[in-house]
Amino acid sequence: MATKSIFKTVEIRDDKAAKAFLDAIESSRRAQKNIKEPKVSAKQLKKEEIKDFIGKVVK
């Protein structure tokens, strides 16, 4: 996805386009509130445990 496009100036000249743009922003904001972050636990591994794991995956 292009990231430099967020720095461009946008001119909205008619009311219909402005309303559609605002509706899209509001819809996005509502959808964002419904996203739940997955809960993932982490475990510190020792060097030997990492080697064992990689050895099992590579074989």
N, C-alpha and C. Protein backbone atom coordinates (compact mmCIF):
# COMPACT_ATOMS: atom_id res chain seq x y z
N MET A 1 0.84 -1.17 0.00
CA MET A 1 0.00 0.00 0.00
C MET A 1 0.89 1.24 0.00
N ALA A 2 0.52 2.21 -0.75
CA ALA A 2 1.28 3.45 -0.82
C ALA A 2 1.12 4.22 0.49
N THR A 3 2.23 4.74 1.00
CA THR A 3 2.15 5.50 2.25
C THR A 3 2.33 6.99 2.04
N LYS A 4 2.98 7.41 0.96
CA LYS A 4 3.19 8.83 0.73
C LYS A 4 1.89 9.54 0.36
N SER A 5 0.88 8.78 -0.04
CA SER A 5 -0.38 9.39 -0.46
C SER A 5 -1.10 10.08 0.70
N ILE A 6 -0.78 9.74 1.93
CA ILE A 6 -1.44 10.40 3.07
C ILE A 6 -0.97 11.83 3.25
N PHE A 7 0.13 12.21 2.59
CA PHE A 7 0.65 13.56 2.72
C PHE A 7 0.16 14.48 1.61
N LYS A 8 -0.64 13.98 0.70
CA LYS A 8 -1.13 14.79 -0.42
C LYS A 8 -2.30 15.66 0.03
N THR A 9 -2.40 16.82 -0.57
CA THR A 9 -3.52 17.72 -0.32
C THR A 9 -4.71 17.28 -1.15
N VAL A 10 -5.86 17.21 -0.51
CA VAL A 10 -7.08 16.78 -1.19
C VAL A 10 -8.08 17.92 -1.15
N GLU A 11 -8.63 18.24 -2.29
CA GLU A 11 -9.68 19.26 -2.35
C GLU A 11 -10.99 18.59 -2.70
N ILE A 12 -11.98 18.81 -1.85
CA ILE A 12 -13.32 18.28 -2.10
C ILE A 12 -14.17 19.49 -2.43
N ARG A 13 -14.69 19.51 -3.64
CA ARG A 13 -15.37 20.73 -4.11
C ARG A 13 -16.89 20.67 -4.10
N ASP A 14 -17.46 19.48 -3.98
CA ASP A 14 -18.92 19.48 -3.96
C ASP A 14 -19.43 18.81 -2.68
N ASP A 15 -20.64 19.18 -2.31
CA ASP A 15 -21.23 18.72 -1.06
C ASP A 15 -21.42 17.21 -1.03
N LYS A 16 -21.79 16.63 -2.15
CA LYS A 16 -22.04 15.18 -2.20
C LYS A 16 -20.75 14.41 -1.91
N ALA A 17 -19.65 14.82 -2.50
CA ALA A 17 -18.36 14.16 -2.27
C ALA A 17 -17.90 14.37 -0.83
N ALA A 18 -18.12 15.55 -0.28
CA ALA A 18 -17.74 15.84 1.11
C ALA A 18 -18.53 14.96 2.07
N LYS A 19 -19.82 14.81 1.84
CA LYS A 19 -20.64 13.97 2.69
C LYS A 19 -20.21 12.52 2.60
N ALA A 20 -19.92 12.04 1.39
CA ALA A 20 -19.46 10.66 1.21
C ALA A 20 -18.13 10.42 1.93
N PHE A 21 -17.23 11.40 1.87
CA PHE A 21 -15.95 11.30 2.54
C PHE A 21 -16.13 11.23 4.05
N LEU A 22 -16.96 12.11 4.60
CA LEU A 22 -17.21 12.11 6.05
C LEU A 22 -17.90 10.83 6.50
N ASP A 23 -18.84 10.34 5.69
CA ASP A 23 -19.51 9.07 6.02
C ASP A 23 -18.50 7.92 6.07
N ALA A 24 -17.56 7.91 5.13
CA ALA A 24 -16.54 6.86 5.10
C ALA A 24 -15.65 6.92 6.34
N ILE A 25 -15.27 8.13 6.75
CA ILE A 25 -14.43 8.28 7.94
C ILE A 25 -15.18 7.82 9.19
N GLU A 26 -16.43 8.22 9.31
CA GLU A 26 -17.23 7.82 10.48
C GLU A 26 -17.46 6.31 10.50
N SER A 27 -17.70 5.72 9.34
CA SER A 27 -17.90 4.28 9.25
C SER A 27 -16.62 3.54 9.66
N SER A 28 -15.50 4.05 9.22
CA SER A 28 -14.22 3.45 9.58
C SER A 28 -13.98 3.54 11.08
N ARG A 29 -14.31 4.66 11.67
CA ARG A 29 -14.13 4.83 13.12
C ARG A 29 -15.00 3.85 13.89
N ARG A 30 -16.24 3.67 13.46
CA ARG A 30 -17.14 2.72 14.13
C ARG A 30 -16.62 1.30 13.99
N ALA A 31 -16.15 0.94 12.81
CA ALA A 31 -15.64 -0.41 12.57
C ALA A 31 -14.39 -0.67 13.41
N GLN A 32 -13.58 0.35 13.58
CA GLN A 32 -12.34 0.20 14.34
C GLN A 32 -12.62 -0.13 15.81
N LYS A 33 -13.71 0.39 16.34
CA LYS A 33 -14.05 0.13 17.74
C LYS A 33 -14.44 -1.33 17.94
N ASN A 34 -14.88 -2.01 16.90
CA ASN A 34 -15.32 -3.40 17.01
C ASN A 34 -14.18 -4.41 16.87
N ILE A 35 -12.99 -3.95 16.53
CA ILE A 35 -11.86 -4.85 16.36
C ILE A 35 -11.30 -5.19 17.74
N LYS A 36 -11.13 -6.47 17.99
CA LYS A 36 -10.59 -6.91 19.27
C LYS A 36 -9.18 -7.46 19.03
N GLU A 37 -8.26 -7.03 19.86
CA GLU A 37 -6.88 -7.50 19.76
C GLU A 37 -6.81 -8.94 20.29
N PRO A 38 -6.16 -9.81 19.54
CA PRO A 38 -6.01 -11.18 20.05
C PRO A 38 -5.03 -11.19 21.22
N LYS A 39 -5.32 -12.03 22.19
CA LYS A 39 -4.43 -12.14 23.34
C LYS A 39 -3.45 -13.28 23.07
N VAL A 40 -2.20 -12.93 23.06
CA VAL A 40 -1.15 -13.91 22.78
C VAL A 40 -0.17 -13.88 23.93
N SER A 41 0.13 -15.05 24.45
CA SER A 41 1.11 -15.09 25.52
C SER A 41 2.50 -15.35 24.95
N ALA A 42 3.50 -14.88 25.62
CA ALA A 42 4.88 -15.05 25.18
C ALA A 42 5.63 -15.89 26.20
N LYS A 43 6.63 -16.58 25.71
CA LYS A 43 7.44 -17.39 26.58
C LYS A 43 8.90 -17.15 26.23
N GLN A 44 9.72 -16.91 27.23
CA GLN A 44 11.15 -16.73 27.03
C GLN A 44 11.77 -18.10 26.78
N LEU A 45 12.49 -18.24 25.68
CA LEU A 45 13.13 -19.52 25.36
C LEU A 45 14.63 -19.42 25.54
N LYS A 46 15.20 -20.53 25.96
CA LYS A 46 16.65 -20.62 26.07
C LYS A 46 17.21 -20.98 24.70
N LYS A 47 18.50 -20.77 24.54
CA LYS A 47 19.18 -21.02 23.27
C LYS A 47 18.95 -22.46 22.79
N GLU A 48 19.06 -23.41 23.68
CA GLU A 48 18.88 -24.82 23.30
C GLU A 48 17.44 -25.12 22.86
N GLU A 49 16.48 -24.48 23.52
CA GLU A 49 15.08 -24.69 23.14
C GLU A 49 14.81 -24.16 21.73
N ILE A 50 15.43 -23.04 21.39
CA ILE A 50 15.28 -22.47 20.05
C ILE A 50 15.90 -23.40 19.02
N LYS A 51 17.09 -23.88 19.30
CA LYS A 51 17.77 -24.81 18.38
C LYS A 51 16.93 -26.07 18.17
N ASP A 52 16.37 -26.62 19.24
CA ASP A 52 15.54 -27.82 19.14
C ASP A 52 14.31 -27.56 18.28
N PHE A 53 13.67 -26.41 18.49
CA PHE A 53 12.46 -26.07 17.74
C PHE A 53 12.79 -25.92 16.25
N ILE A 54 13.83 -25.16 15.93
CA ILE A 54 14.20 -24.94 14.54
C ILE A 54 14.61 -26.26 13.89
N GLY A 55 15.30 -27.09 14.63
CA GLY A 55 15.69 -28.41 14.10
C GLY A 55 14.48 -29.24 13.74
N LYS A 56 13.43 -29.18 14.52
CA LYS A 56 12.22 -29.96 14.24
C LYS A 56 11.46 -29.40 13.03
N VAL A 57 11.48 -28.09 12.86
CA VAL A 57 10.76 -27.47 11.75
C VAL A 57 11.49 -27.69 10.44
N VAL A 58 12.81 -27.61 10.44
CA VAL A 58 13.59 -27.70 9.23
C VAL A 58 13.61 -29.13 8.67
N LYS A 59 13.59 -30.12 9.52
CA LYS A 59 13.67 -31.53 9.06
C LYS A 59 12.52 -31.95 8.23
